[in-house]
Structures are given as C-alpha cells and as structure tokens.
Amino acid sequence: MPDDVGRMLEIEGAAAPAVQPRRRLGRTRLAVLAAAALTVLGLGGWALLTWYTTGRHHVSTNNAYVQADTTIVAAQVEGYVRRVAVGDNQPVRAGDVLVEIEPSDYEAALAQARAEAARARAEVQSNAANRAAADAQLRRSQYLADQGLLSSAGLDAARAAAGQWSGSTQASLAEVEAAQARIAAAQINLQRTIIRAPIDGVVGNRTVRVGQLLRSGAPLLAIVPDALYVEANFKETQLARMRAGLRAVVIPDIDRSMRIEGVVDSLSPASGSEFSFIPTETATGNFTKIVQRVPVRIRIEPTPAQRALLRPGLSATATVDLRAAD
C-alpha cells in the first residue's frame, strides 16, 4: 500500500510541471487573437475613413471601351482598280494617295464635255450673227414701213425673225452654261478616280485589291486616327452628379498597371437602349425593370508609350471623381 501511494505521488509530481506550458500557450494565443482583432479593426477603420473621404466621391464602371472616330473610305465613282498605294496597318497623312481607279472612261467623258462646250460656243456665235442680221433687217423694214413702202405683214415678218434669232441666242448661251457644268462634273469624276486619305491615321480593314471592280459607295478601307477617347457606360444610378469637366482615371484591361488621366467630355443625350436597333418597349407585356446605362465620353491624353498599346475596341475600367461637382 505505501508503495502504491508513493508511486501515485511520483506520477502527480511528474505531471505537475506540464500545467505551466499550457498556461503560457493560452496567453500567447490570446495575444495573437488580440493583435489580429486590432489589425482587423485598424484596417476596417482605415477602409471606412478612405471610403468616407475619397471612395464615396468616385463612381466606377468596367463597361468602358477605347474608341476612335474611325473614317471609312469608300469609292465615289465606278471603275476597275488600277493601283493600291497603301498596305495593311500603314500610317498615312491627309492627302496621301490610297487607291487609283482606271481613269480612261472619265477622261473620255471630260473630252466629250469639252467638245460639246466648244460646239455650244460656236452655236452662240452663229446665232449672234443671225440675230445681228435680223436686227438690221428689222431696222430697214421699219424705215420702209414708215415711208409707206412696206406692208404691215412684211414688218411683222421682220420682227418675228429678229425675235426668233434673239431666242435662239439665249438658248445657245444657256447651252454653253450647261456644257461648262458638264465639264466641271467630268473633271470632278476624273479627280475622284484618285482616292486620297481624308485624315491622318493608320490604314485598317483594307478590302480593296488591284483589278477589283468598284461600285460607287463601296467601302475600301478604314483609317483609324491617332486621337482616342473612352466611352464608359455608367448606370443611371451613378449619373446624378456626373458633369462635363470632371477628372477621370482609365485603366485599360490590356495592362492593368497603366493609369491614364482623362476628363469627362460629354454625356449622351439618351440611354444606350434608345439608340439600339430594336428599342425596348416597356408599355407592353410583363414589365421587368432594368437599370439603364448612359454612355459617357471621356477625353484621354495617353503618353506615347501608352498610345502604342491602346487600340479602339479594347475594354477598360473608368473611374470618375465627383468631388468637383459639389
């Protein structure tokens, strides 16, 4: 029996020191939890302060896209393509030759218009000479009639002849003007056989080829200008304080580390659905309210390095600072 008691005392004595590490572990855990709680509270307070001072004055949307006022170049006259002077993705300046159409038909039309104008001018001279002769005859007839040597019928005939040649002269003068107009139209059509770049930019979507038969109005290529802007489609609930002139920041998806400064240029006069091919009709059928979006144009001025990456059609995130609106 005493041996059993001694053994139990030894066991209890051996187990007694293990109580201290548990207490230390519990205190350490409490310290860690307290530090974590303080960190969370600090971060939460910082986030709340940031939102109150800055965040609540900003509206953002990822429904934004880089845009450009791209020009579609089309043929203004018909004909076969004789030469294509530009290639895909080639920079061009305003006035550079893009495409040449075979001009022989239009050169012939111009020559014909000039010949008709020459004939009309010759007819004017002939009619003017006949009118002068008729006027002289009328004066003689009037003199003879005054002397009683010419009947009234003869005088009337002389007057009719003079009036006829006067009308013919006026008609031939009008024909000269019409011929000159045809010359001008033929010259314009001949000039249009050489298609030039209307703006500075880069050639894209080139579909024209040598030997192709072009119809008037057929698109040939597009020219994308250097000037870019962003069209951001904000929700209607974000537009109460939106104004032109507010500062904006654009982050394109092509490089999320890129920040492009911008300014709100203008707001669309209607929501995007109003300009859709089939506008929504909320007065018929079952009604489901959908938050509308209004396009907001943001003017941007990227650096050369940023511009080298940007392309019209790329998506982006746009954030507008509303503090200046207050």
Foldseek 3Di string as FASTA:
>chain_A
DVVVVVVVVVVVVVPVVVVVVVVVVVVVVVVVVVVVVVVVVVVVVVVVVCCVVFVVQKDKDQQKFKAFPKDWDAAAAWAFWADADDDAFAWDAFFAWGTAGPQPVLVVQLVVLVVQLVVLVVQLVVLVVQLVVLVVVLVVQVVCVVVVNHDPVVNVVSVVSNVVSVVSNVVSVVSNVVSVVSNVVSVVNSVSSTDTHRHTATKHPADDDGGDIHHRPGTGTMGGHLFMKMKHWAWPVPPPLDDWFFKKWKQFPVHNVDIWIWTFHDWDPDFPLVPDPDRDDQVDDDHDDDTTTTIIIIGTDDDPVVSVPDDGGTTIMMMTRRPVSD
